[in-house]
Amino acid sequence: MKAFFEGIQSLFVDFLFLPMDWLRELELTNWWLANILNWVFIIVCIVATVYWTKQLNIFKNNGEDNDDTTAHSFLG
């Protein structure tokens, strides 16, 4: 049973976490490049928020949104 858990440890430490180790070492030389994954997530969130807001405005301009508090049964 000990070999099974050591195998799992080896899988994560020796293979799956190698990109994170590389990013940790890269941070010492270039902070911006080391945080590229964070920047990608931030950009995706900004794009999704802008898209969502535009869709809300489309429904509001068409008069299709329902502002009534009884629009959902759990609200009224």
PDB file of N, CA and C in Angstrom:
ATOM      1  N   MET A   1       0.818  -1.182   0.000  1.00  0.00           N
ATOM      2  CA  MET A   1       0.000   0.000   0.000  1.00  0.00           C
ATOM      3  C   MET A   1       0.870   1.256   0.000  1.00  0.00           C
ATOM      4  N   LYS A   2       2.026   1.174   0.658  1.00  0.00           N
ATOM      5  CA  LYS A   2       2.926   2.322   0.707  1.00  0.00           C
ATOM      6  C   LYS A   2       3.421   2.679  -0.693  1.00  0.00           C
ATOM      7  N   ALA A   3       3.684   1.678  -1.517  1.00  0.00           N
ATOM      8  CA  ALA A   3       4.159   1.917  -2.878  1.00  0.00           C
ATOM      9  C   ALA A   3       3.098   2.637  -3.713  1.00  0.00           C
ATOM     10  N   PHE A   4       1.829   2.346  -3.465  1.00  0.00           N
ATOM     11  CA  PHE A   4       0.736   3.000  -4.187  1.00  0.00           C
ATOM     12  C   PHE A   4       0.748   4.508  -3.919  1.00  0.00           C
ATOM     13  N   PHE A   5       0.856   4.877  -2.646  1.00  0.00           N
ATOM     14  CA  PHE A   5       0.866   6.296  -2.304  1.00  0.00           C
ATOM     15  C   PHE A   5       2.149   6.980  -2.751  1.00  0.00           C
ATOM     16  N   GLU A   6       3.261   6.272  -2.732  1.00  0.00           N
ATOM     17  CA  GLU A   6       4.504   6.835  -3.258  1.00  0.00           C
ATOM     18  C   GLU A   6       4.416   7.037  -4.761  1.00  0.00           C
ATOM     19  N   GLY A   7       3.689   6.147  -5.427  1.00  0.00           N
ATOM     20  CA  GLY A   7       3.460   6.319  -6.866  1.00  0.00           C
ATOM     21  C   GLY A   7       2.640   7.566  -7.160  1.00  0.00           C
ATOM     22  N   ILE A   8       1.614   7.805  -6.346  1.00  0.00           N
ATOM     23  CA  ILE A   8       0.814   9.022  -6.512  1.00  0.00           C
ATOM     24  C   ILE A   8       1.678  10.256  -6.254  1.00  0.00           C
ATOM     25  N   GLN A   9       2.501  10.198  -5.216  1.00  0.00           N
ATOM     26  CA  GLN A   9       3.403  11.309  -4.919  1.00  0.00           C
ATOM     27  C   GLN A   9       4.345  11.560  -6.085  1.00  0.00           C
ATOM     28  N   SER A  10       4.892  10.510  -6.634  1.00  0.00           N
ATOM     29  CA  SER A  10       5.816  10.646  -7.751  1.00  0.00           C
ATOM     30  C   SER A  10       5.119  11.251  -8.967  1.00  0.00           C
ATOM     31  N   LEU A  11       3.897  10.832  -9.224  1.00  0.00           N
ATOM     32  CA  LEU A  11       3.147  11.363 -10.355  1.00  0.00           C
ATOM     33  C   LEU A  11       2.988  12.874 -10.232  1.00  0.00           C
ATOM     34  N   PHE A  12       2.565  13.338  -9.069  1.00  0.00           N
ATOM     35  CA  PHE A  12       2.337  14.767  -8.898  1.00  0.00           C
ATOM     36  C   PHE A  12       3.624  15.561  -8.805  1.00  0.00           C
ATOM     37  N   VAL A  13       4.557  15.129  -7.970  1.00  0.00           N
ATOM     38  CA  VAL A  13       5.778  15.907  -7.724  1.00  0.00           C
ATOM     39  C   VAL A  13       6.701  15.882  -8.931  1.00  0.00           C
ATOM     40  N   ASP A  14       6.854  14.733  -9.555  1.00  0.00           N
ATOM     41  CA  ASP A  14       7.836  14.598 -10.632  1.00  0.00           C
ATOM     42  C   ASP A  14       7.289  14.958 -12.010  1.00  0.00           C
ATOM     43  N   PHE A  15       5.967  14.956 -12.191  1.00  0.00           N
ATOM     44  CA  PHE A  15       5.424  15.191 -13.532  1.00  0.00           C
ATOM     45  C   PHE A  15       4.402  16.330 -13.588  1.00  0.00           C
ATOM     46  N   LEU A  16       3.328  16.230 -12.813  1.00  0.00           N
ATOM     47  CA  LEU A  16       2.218  17.169 -12.958  1.00  0.00           C
ATOM     48  C   LEU A  16       2.533  18.564 -12.421  1.00  0.00           C
ATOM     49  N   PHE A  17       3.421  18.692 -11.449  1.00  0.00           N
ATOM     50  CA  PHE A  17       3.754  20.002 -10.897  1.00  0.00           C
ATOM     51  C   PHE A  17       4.987  20.624 -11.538  1.00  0.00           C
ATOM     52  N   LEU A  18       5.559  19.995 -12.538  1.00  0.00           N
ATOM     53  CA  LEU A  18       6.742  20.555 -13.197  1.00  0.00           C
ATOM     54  C   LEU A  18       6.477  21.933 -13.808  1.00  0.00           C
ATOM     55  N   PRO A  19       5.321  22.163 -14.454  1.00  0.00           N
ATOM     56  CA  PRO A  19       5.085  23.522 -14.964  1.00  0.00           C
ATOM     57  C   PRO A  19       5.024  24.569 -13.848  1.00  0.00           C
ATOM     58  N   MET A  20       4.497  24.206 -12.703  1.00  0.00           N
ATOM     59  CA  MET A  20       4.444  25.158 -11.589  1.00  0.00           C
ATOM     60  C   MET A  20       5.842  25.441 -11.037  1.00  0.00           C
ATOM     61  N   ASP A  21       6.689  24.435 -11.008  1.00  0.00           N
ATOM     62  CA  ASP A  21       8.083  24.655 -10.586  1.00  0.00           C
ATOM     63  C   ASP A  21       8.801  25.576 -11.568  1.00  0.00           C
ATOM     64  N   TRP A  22       8.525  25.384 -12.853  1.00  0.00           N
ATOM     65  CA  TRP A  22       9.134  26.236 -13.868  1.00  0.00           C
ATOM     66  C   TRP A  22       8.669  27.679 -13.702  1.00  0.00           C
ATOM     67  N   LEU A  23       7.367  27.870 -13.438  1.00  0.00           N
ATOM     68  CA  LEU A  23       6.855  29.230 -13.224  1.00  0.00           C
ATOM     69  C   LEU A  23       7.439  29.862 -11.967  1.00  0.00           C
ATOM     70  N   ARG A  24       7.635  29.066 -10.922  1.00  0.00           N
ATOM     71  CA  ARG A  24       8.226  29.589  -9.693  1.00  0.00           C
ATOM     72  C   ARG A  24       9.653  30.067  -9.933  1.00  0.00           C
ATOM     73  N   GLU A  25      10.419  29.313 -10.713  1.00  0.00           N
ATOM     74  CA  GLU A  25      11.785  29.724 -11.018  1.00  0.00           C
ATOM     75  C   GLU A  25      11.816  30.925 -11.956  1.00  0.00           C
ATOM     76  N   LEU A  26      10.828  30.987 -12.866  1.00  0.00           N
ATOM     77  CA  LEU A  26      10.755  32.088 -13.819  1.00  0.00           C
ATOM     78  C   LEU A  26      10.429  33.406 -13.130  1.00  0.00           C
ATOM     79  N   GLU A  27       9.720  33.347 -12.013  1.00  0.00           N
ATOM     80  CA  GLU A  27       9.327  34.566 -11.301  1.00  0.00           C
ATOM     81  C   GLU A  27      10.536  35.363 -10.832  1.00  0.00           C
ATOM     82  N   LEU A  28      11.639  34.701 -10.581  1.00  0.00           N
ATOM     83  CA  LEU A  28      12.843  35.393 -10.120  1.00  0.00           C
ATOM     84  C   LEU A  28      13.457  36.257 -11.214  1.00  0.00           C
ATOM     85  N   THR A  29      13.178  35.917 -12.479  1.00  0.00           N
ATOM     86  CA  THR A  29      13.757  36.687 -13.583  1.00  0.00           C
ATOM     87  C   THR A  29      12.744  37.596 -14.259  1.00  0.00           C
ATOM     88  N   ASN A  30      11.492  37.141 -14.395  1.00  0.00           N
ATOM     89  CA  ASN A  30      10.489  37.939 -15.097  1.00  0.00           C
ATOM     90  C   ASN A  30       9.124  37.721 -14.456  1.00  0.00           C
ATOM     91  N   TRP A  31       8.702  38.679 -13.637  1.00  0.00           N
ATOM     92  CA  TRP A  31       7.447  38.548 -12.909  1.00  0.00           C
ATOM     93  C   TRP A  31       6.259  38.514 -13.859  1.00  0.00           C
ATOM     94  N   TRP A  32       6.263  39.351 -14.902  1.00  0.00           N
ATOM     95  CA  TRP A  32       5.136  39.436 -15.826  1.00  0.00           C
ATOM     96  C   TRP A  32       4.919  38.124 -16.559  1.00  0.00           C
ATOM     97  N   LEU A  33       5.974  37.514 -17.019  1.00  0.00           N
ATOM     98  CA  LEU A  33       5.851  36.253 -17.750  1.00  0.00           C
ATOM     99  C   LEU A  33       5.439  35.120 -16.818  1.00  0.00           C
ATOM    100  N   ALA A  34       5.907  35.158 -15.594  1.00  0.00           N
ATOM    101  CA  ALA A  34       5.559  34.113 -14.638  1.00  0.00           C
ATOM    102  C   ALA A  34       4.076  34.156 -14.287  1.00  0.00           C
ATOM    103  N   ASN A  35       3.459  35.310 -14.387  1.00  0.00           N
ATOM    104  CA  ASN A  35       2.045  35.463 -14.049  1.00  0.00           C
ATOM    105  C   ASN A  35       1.151  35.515 -15.281  1.00  0.00           C
ATOM    106  N   ILE A  36       1.603  35.001 -16.385  1.00  0.00           N
ATOM    107  CA  ILE A  36       0.832  35.021 -17.627  1.00  0.00           C
ATOM    108  C   ILE A  36      -0.488  34.270 -17.476  1.00  0.00           C
ATOM    109  N   LEU A  37      -0.488  33.199 -16.720  1.00  0.00           N
ATOM    110  CA  LEU A  37      -1.720  32.437 -16.506  1.00  0.00           C
ATOM    111  C   LEU A  37      -2.756  33.288 -15.781  1.00  0.00           C
ATOM    112  N   ASN A  38      -2.331  34.052 -14.803  1.00  0.00           N
ATOM    113  CA  ASN A  38      -3.243  34.950 -14.099  1.00  0.00           C
ATOM    114  C   ASN A  38      -3.790  36.017 -15.037  1.00  0.00           C
ATOM    115  N   TRP A  39      -2.933  36.564 -15.889  1.00  0.00           N
ATOM    116  CA  TRP A  39      -3.387  37.591 -16.819  1.00  0.00           C
ATOM    117  C   TRP A  39      -4.407  37.034 -17.801  1.00  0.00           C
ATOM    118  N   VAL A  40      -4.205  35.815 -18.241  1.00  0.00           N
ATOM    119  CA  VAL A  40      -5.174  35.186 -19.156  1.00  0.00           C
ATOM    120  C   VAL A  40      -6.518  35.044 -18.465  1.00  0.00           C
ATOM    121  N   PHE A  41      -6.539  34.583 -17.227  1.00  0.00           N
ATOM    122  CA  PHE A  41      -7.797  34.450 -16.494  1.00  0.00           C
ATOM    123  C   PHE A  41      -8.475  35.801 -16.294  1.00  0.00           C
ATOM    124  N   ILE A  42      -7.711  36.835 -15.998  1.00  0.00           N
ATOM    125  CA  ILE A  42      -8.277  38.165 -15.822  1.00  0.00           C
ATOM    126  C   ILE A  42      -8.910  38.659 -17.116  1.00  0.00           C
ATOM    127  N   ILE A  43      -8.231  38.454 -18.231  1.00  0.00           N
ATOM    128  CA  ILE A  43      -8.761  38.891 -19.529  1.00  0.00           C
ATOM    129  C   ILE A  43     -10.030  38.125 -19.876  1.00  0.00           C
ATOM    130  N   VAL A  44     -10.058  36.828 -19.621  1.00  0.00           N
ATOM    131  CA  VAL A  44     -11.258  36.034 -19.882  1.00  0.00           C
ATOM    132  C   VAL A  44     -12.424  36.539 -19.042  1.00  0.00           C
ATOM    133  N   CYS A  45     -12.183  36.845 -17.784  1.00  0.00           N
ATOM    134  CA  CYS A  45     -13.251  37.366 -16.910  1.00  0.00           C
ATOM    135  C   CYS A  45     -13.751  38.722 -17.388  1.00  0.00           C
ATOM    136  N   ILE A  46     -12.853  39.593 -17.820  1.00  0.00           N
ATOM    137  CA  ILE A  46     -13.268  40.903 -18.326  1.00  0.00           C
ATOM    138  C   ILE A  46     -14.111  40.758 -19.583  1.00  0.00           C
ATOM    139  N   VAL A  47     -13.687  39.902 -20.497  1.00  0.00           N
ATOM    140  CA  VAL A  47     -14.447  39.682 -21.734  1.00  0.00           C
ATOM    141  C   VAL A  47     -15.822  39.099 -21.426  1.00  0.00           C
ATOM    142  N   ALA A  48     -15.888  38.148 -20.509  1.00  0.00           N
ATOM    143  CA  ALA A  48     -17.171  37.541 -20.150  1.00  0.00           C
ATOM    144  C   ALA A  48     -18.097  38.564 -19.504  1.00  0.00           C
ATOM    145  N   THR A  49     -17.571  39.437 -18.653  1.00  0.00           N
ATOM    146  CA  THR A  49     -18.386  40.460 -18.006  1.00  0.00           C
ATOM    147  C   THR A  49     -18.914  41.464 -19.021  1.00  0.00           C
ATOM    148  N   VAL A  50     -18.078  41.877 -19.959  1.00  0.00           N
ATOM    149  CA  VAL A  50     -18.518  42.815 -20.998  1.00  0.00           C
ATOM    150  C   VAL A  50     -19.596  42.168 -21.864  1.00  0.00           C
ATOM    151  N   TYR A  51     -19.413  40.921 -22.247  1.00  0.00           N
ATOM    152  CA  TYR A  51     -20.401  40.219 -23.057  1.00  0.00           C
ATOM    153  C   TYR A  51     -21.725  40.098 -22.309  1.00  0.00           C
ATOM    154  N   TRP A  52     -21.663  39.737 -21.039  1.00  0.00           N
ATOM    155  CA  TRP A  52     -22.867  39.571 -20.223  1.00  0.00           C
ATOM    156  C   TRP A  52     -23.622  40.901 -20.099  1.00  0.00           C
ATOM    157  N   THR A  53     -22.875  41.980 -19.872  1.00  0.00           N
ATOM    158  CA  THR A  53     -23.490  43.298 -19.751  1.00  0.00           C
ATOM    159  C   THR A  53     -24.150  43.715 -21.065  1.00  0.00           C
ATOM    160  N   LYS A  54     -23.498  43.451 -22.185  1.00  0.00           N
ATOM    161  CA  LYS A  54     -24.085  43.778 -23.483  1.00  0.00           C
ATOM    162  C   LYS A  54     -25.364  42.978 -23.718  1.00  0.00           C
ATOM    163  N   GLN A  55     -25.363  41.711 -23.335  1.00  0.00           N
ATOM    164  CA  GLN A  55     -26.569  40.896 -23.499  1.00  0.00           C
ATOM    165  C   GLN A  55     -27.700  41.405 -22.613  1.00  0.00           C
ATOM    166  N   LEU A  56     -27.383  41.824 -21.397  1.00  0.00           N
ATOM    167  CA  LEU A  56     -28.405  42.392 -20.516  1.00  0.00           C
ATOM    168  C   LEU A  56     -29.008  43.648 -21.132  1.00  0.00           C
ATOM    169  N   ASN A  57     -28.174  44.497 -21.725  1.00  0.00           N
ATOM    170  CA  ASN A  57     -28.670  45.713 -22.360  1.00  0.00           C
ATOM    171  C   ASN A  57     -29.535  45.409 -23.570  1.00  0.00           C
ATOM    172  N   ILE A  58     -29.196  44.379 -24.330  1.00  0.00           N
ATOM    173  CA  ILE A  58     -30.015  43.990 -25.488  1.00  0.00           C
ATOM    174  C   ILE A  58     -31.414  43.602 -25.023  1.00  0.00           C
ATOM    175  N   PHE A  59     -31.515  42.778 -23.974  1.00  0.00           N
ATOM    176  CA  PHE A  59     -32.819  42.366 -23.477  1.00  0.00           C
ATOM    177  C   PHE A  59     -33.576  43.553 -22.880  1.00  0.00           C
ATOM    178  N   LYS A  60     -32.868  44.454 -22.218  1.00  0.00           N
ATOM    179  CA  LYS A  60     -33.523  45.620 -21.625  1.00  0.00           C
ATOM    180  C   LYS A  60     -34.065  46.552 -22.702  1.00  0.00           C
ATOM    181  N   ASN A  61     -33.297  46.771 -23.775  1.00  0.00           N
ATOM    182  CA  ASN A  61     -33.733  47.650 -24.864  1.00  0.00           C
ATOM    183  C   ASN A  61     -34.910  47.060 -25.636  1.00  0.00           C
ATOM    184  N   ASN A  62     -34.996  45.735 -25.728  1.00  0.00           N
ATOM    185  CA  ASN A  62     -36.115  45.072 -26.413  1.00  0.00           C
ATOM    186  C   ASN A  62     -37.337  44.953 -25.517  1.00  0.00           C
ATOM    187  N   GLY A  63     -37.194  45.296 -24.244  1.00  0.00           N
ATOM    188  CA  GLY A  63     -38.308  45.176 -23.313  1.00  0.00           C
ATOM    189  C   GLY A  63     -38.611  43.746 -22.914  1.00  0.00           C
ATOM    190  N   GLU A  64     -37.635  42.870 -23.061  1.00  0.00           N
ATOM    191  CA  GLU A  64     -37.843  41.449 -22.771  1.00  0.00           C
ATOM    192  C   GLU A  64     -37.464  41.069 -21.348  1.00  0.00           C
ATOM    193  N   ASP A  65     -36.767  41.946 -20.638  1.00  0.00           N
ATOM    194  CA  ASP A  65     -36.403  41.598 -19.268  1.00  0.00           C
ATOM    195  C   ASP A  65     -37.594  41.861 -18.353  1.00  0.00           C
ATOM    196  N   ASN A  66     -37.696  41.081 -17.313  1.00  0.00           N
ATOM    197  CA  ASN A  66     -38.821  41.184 -16.398  1.00  0.00           C
ATOM    198  C   ASN A  66     -38.297  41.694 -15.060  1.00  0.00           C
ATOM    199  N   ASP A  67     -38.572  42.976 -14.755  1.00  0.00           N
ATOM    200  CA  ASP A  67     -38.095  43.582 -13.517  1.00  0.00           C
ATOM    201  C   ASP A  67     -39.047  43.360 -12.354  1.00  0.00           C
ATOM    202  N   ASP A  68     -40.156  42.724 -12.605  1.00  0.00           N
ATOM    203  CA  ASP A  68     -41.149  42.487 -11.554  1.00  0.00           C
ATOM    204  C   ASP A  68     -40.575  41.533 -10.512  1.00  0.00           C
ATOM    205  N   THR A  69     -40.825  41.824  -9.244  1.00  0.00           N
ATOM    206  CA  THR A  69     -40.272  40.970  -8.182  1.00  0.00           C
ATOM    207  C   THR A  69     -40.946  39.594  -8.151  1.00  0.00           C
ATOM    208  N   THR A  70     -42.073  39.443  -8.838  1.00  0.00           N
ATOM    209  CA  THR A  70     -42.723  38.136  -8.880  1.00  0.00           C
ATOM    210  C   THR A  70     -42.318  37.357 -10.121  1.00  0.00           C
ATOM    211  N   ALA A  71     -41.227  37.768 -10.771  1.00  0.00           N
ATOM    212  CA  ALA A  71     -40.755  37.071 -11.966  1.00  0.00           C
ATOM    213  C   ALA A  71     -40.357  35.648 -11.636  1.00  0.00           C
ATOM    214  N   HIS A  72     -39.890  35.424 -10.430  1.00  0.00           N
ATOM    215  CA  HIS A  72     -39.508  34.085  -9.978  1.00  0.00           C
ATOM    216  C   HIS A  72     -40.352  33.738  -8.756  1.00  0.00           C
ATOM    217  N   SER A  73     -40.753  32.512  -8.719  1.00  0.00           N
ATOM    218  CA  SER A  73     -41.655  32.107  -7.646  1.00  0.00           C
ATOM    219  C   SER A  73     -41.017  32.225  -6.258  1.00  0.00           C
ATOM    220  N   PHE A  74     -39.699  32.081  -6.169  1.00  0.00           N
ATOM    221  CA  PHE A  74     -39.055  32.140  -4.868  1.00  0.00           C
ATOM    222  C   PHE A  74     -38.877  33.578  -4.374  1.00  0.00           C
ATOM    223  N   LEU A  75     -39.135  34.571  -5.233  1.00  0.00           N
ATOM    224  CA  LEU A  75     -39.009  35.968  -4.816  1.00  0.00           C
ATOM    225  C   LEU A  75     -40.321  36.536  -4.297  1.00  0.00           C
ATOM    226  N   GLY A  76     -41.428  35.957  -4.667  1.00  0.00           N
ATOM    227  CA  GLY A  76     -42.707  36.559  -4.292  1.00  0.00           C
ATOM    228  C   GLY A  76     -43.493  35.718  -3.421  1.00  0.00           C
TER     229      GLY A  76
END
